[in-house]
Protein backbone atom coordinates (compact mmCIF):
# COMPACT_ATOMS: atom_id res chain seq x y z
CA MET A 1 7.98 51.72 26.37
CA GLU A 2 6.41 50.49 23.14
CA VAL A 3 7.90 48.03 20.71
CA GLY A 4 10.07 49.98 18.30
CA GLU A 5 11.45 52.29 20.98
CA GLY A 6 14.70 52.17 22.89
CA ARG A 7 18.28 51.17 22.28
CA GLY A 8 18.76 48.83 19.31
CA ALA A 9 15.11 48.91 18.23
CA ILE A 10 14.11 49.13 14.61
CA PRO A 11 12.03 52.31 14.40
CA GLY A 12 8.58 52.53 12.90
CA PRO A 13 5.64 50.21 12.36
CA PHE A 14 7.85 47.44 10.97
CA SER A 15 9.05 46.49 14.44
CA LEU A 16 5.51 46.30 15.81
CA ARG A 17 4.41 44.04 12.94
CA TYR A 18 7.53 41.92 13.45
CA ALA A 19 6.86 41.55 17.18
CA ARG A 20 3.24 40.53 16.58
CA ARG A 21 4.29 38.04 13.91
CA MET A 22 6.94 36.47 16.17
CA ASN A 23 4.50 36.07 19.07
CA ALA A 24 1.81 34.52 16.87
CA HIS A 25 3.83 31.32 16.40
CA PRO A 26 4.62 28.40 18.71
CA LEU A 27 7.87 28.83 20.65
CA SER A 28 10.81 26.43 20.76
CA VAL A 29 13.91 27.12 22.85
CA LYS A 30 17.15 25.64 21.47
CA GLY A 31 20.60 25.15 22.95
CA VAL A 32 23.99 25.48 21.31
CA VAL A 33 26.16 23.04 23.26
CA LEU A 34 29.84 23.53 22.42
CA HIS A 35 32.46 21.16 23.83
CA GLU A 36 36.11 20.62 22.88
CA GLY A 37 35.81 22.32 19.50
CA ARG A 38 32.57 20.55 18.56
CA VAL A 39 28.85 21.29 18.64
CA LEU A 40 26.10 18.81 19.52
CA LEU A 41 23.61 18.26 16.68
CA LEU A 42 20.65 15.92 16.53
CA LEU A 43 19.18 14.45 13.34
CA ASN A 44 15.37 14.70 13.32
CA GLU A 45 12.69 12.69 11.51
CA ARG A 46 12.71 15.22 8.62
CA SER A 47 16.38 14.27 8.04
CA GLU A 48 17.56 17.75 9.15
CA TRP A 49 20.14 18.58 11.77
CA ASP A 50 18.58 20.11 14.86
CA LEU A 51 19.75 21.74 18.06
CA PRO A 52 18.54 20.17 21.31
CA GLY A 53 15.54 21.87 22.88
CA GLY A 54 11.78 22.17 22.68
CA ARG A 55 8.69 23.92 23.91
CA PRO A 56 8.45 25.40 27.38
CA ASP A 57 5.61 24.18 29.58
CA ALA A 58 2.98 26.76 30.54
CA GLY A 59 4.59 29.34 32.83
CA GLU A 60 8.04 27.76 32.52
CA ASP A 61 10.99 30.12 32.13
CA HIS A 62 13.12 29.72 28.95
CA HIS A 63 16.29 28.72 30.83
CA ALA A 64 14.55 26.05 32.92
CA ALA A 65 12.69 24.73 29.87
CA LEU A 66 15.86 24.46 27.82
CA ALA A 67 17.82 22.71 30.58
CA ARG A 68 14.92 20.22 30.96
CA GLU A 69 14.57 19.65 27.21
CA VAL A 70 18.31 19.09 26.70
CA ARG A 71 18.33 16.57 29.57
CA GLU A 72 15.24 14.76 28.18
CA GLU A 73 16.53 14.64 24.59
CA THR A 74 20.22 13.92 25.23
CA GLY A 75 20.80 12.93 28.86
CA LEU A 76 23.18 15.89 29.24
CA VAL A 77 23.13 18.44 32.04
CA VAL A 78 23.72 21.98 30.79
CA GLY A 79 23.88 25.47 32.18
CA VAL A 80 21.89 27.84 30.00
CA GLY A 81 23.66 31.08 29.19
CA ALA A 82 23.27 34.04 26.87
CA LEU A 83 20.56 34.55 24.29
CA LEU A 84 22.10 34.03 20.85
CA ASP A 85 19.35 34.39 18.28
CA GLU A 86 15.63 34.60 17.66
CA HIS A 87 14.05 33.83 14.30
CA LEU A 88 11.10 32.21 12.56
CA PHE A 89 11.72 28.74 11.15
CA GLU A 90 9.45 27.16 8.53
CA VAL A 91 9.21 23.59 9.83
CA LEU A 92 6.80 22.55 7.09
CA PRO A 93 5.36 24.62 4.23
CA GLN A 94 3.42 27.52 5.83
CA ARG A 95 4.04 26.15 9.37
CA PHE A 96 6.37 28.41 11.34
CA VAL A 97 7.94 28.06 14.79
CA ARG A 98 9.59 30.88 16.74
CA ILE A 99 13.11 29.70 17.59
CA VAL A 100 14.95 31.24 20.53
CA ALA A 101 18.52 29.94 20.80
CA TYR A 102 20.80 30.14 23.84
CA ALA A 103 24.43 29.28 24.51
CA CYS A 104 24.77 26.26 26.81
CA ASP A 105 27.67 25.05 28.93
CA LEU A 106 28.07 21.29 29.29
CA CYS A 107 27.98 20.45 33.00
CA GLY A 108 27.77 16.65 32.93
CA GLY A 109 26.07 13.50 31.79
CA GLU A 110 26.56 11.22 28.83
CA VAL A 111 24.67 11.43 25.57
CA SER A 112 21.70 9.06 25.42
CA LEU A 113 19.46 9.76 22.46
CA SER A 114 15.70 10.02 23.03
CA HIS A 115 12.98 8.77 20.69
CA GLU A 116 12.62 12.30 19.27
CA HIS A 117 15.76 12.05 17.11
CA VAL A 118 17.39 9.37 14.99
CA GLU A 119 21.05 10.31 15.49
CA GLN A 120 23.29 12.55 17.57
CA ARG A 121 26.70 13.81 16.60
CA TRP A 122 29.41 16.02 18.04
CA VAL A 123 30.32 17.92 14.86
CA PRO A 124 33.75 19.59 14.64
CA LEU A 125 33.31 23.35 14.27
CA ALA A 126 35.54 23.30 11.17
CA SER A 127 33.03 20.93 9.48
CA LEU A 128 30.02 23.23 9.88
CA GLY A 129 28.11 24.34 6.82
CA PRO A 130 24.62 24.41 5.33
CA SER A 131 24.80 20.61 4.89
CA ILE A 132 26.55 17.95 6.96
CA ASP A 133 26.84 14.47 5.47
CA GLY A 134 24.00 15.20 3.06
CA HIS A 135 21.59 16.46 5.73
CA PRO A 136 20.70 20.17 5.88
CA LEU A 137 21.60 22.33 8.87
CA PRO A 138 19.04 25.17 8.87
CA ALA A 139 20.58 28.62 8.39
CA GLY A 140 19.13 29.98 11.65
CA TYR A 141 20.78 27.20 13.66
CA LEU A 142 24.07 27.68 11.84
CA GLY A 143 23.91 31.41 12.63
CA ALA A 144 23.24 30.70 16.32
CA ILE A 145 26.21 28.32 16.43
CA PHE A 146 28.49 30.99 14.93
CA GLN A 147 27.13 33.50 17.47
CA ALA A 148 28.02 31.09 20.29
CA ILE A 149 31.51 30.59 18.87
CA ASP A 150 32.01 34.38 18.65
CA GLN A 151 30.84 34.89 22.24
CA ARG A 152 33.10 32.25 23.77
CA PRO A 153 35.99 33.59 25.83
CA SER A 154 39.40 33.20 24.22
CA PRO A 155 41.59 30.43 25.72
């Protein structure tokens, strides 16, 4: 089956160009960790809120890479669940990264911030928006968080 065919595909050459463009950029897997009505966000060196995660090692599966990255960046143990979102993120002008976000279940551990971020925060879901305490939360991450909230089972 070619790109652009099958259930849910966008027909025509657009989808093929989109697929090529997405694969031409470095990959970063990100986790949406929800716990007790809050989401874990990390403040990066660009003064933007970030989701925990990073680049998979060569040959490493997305789920294993994300579990490893979350543990390295936060000290938390997570179970990686459903795919939430995939988008291009412009990290710096004309420098794009392919973001693939997954829902994560908190399994254990205590937050211990790595050198890669300057702050961590459990943000109440009701406080989410394009900016939190004067620091931007990129739209793609905000969308992934809302996807995770929508996919959670009702209590």
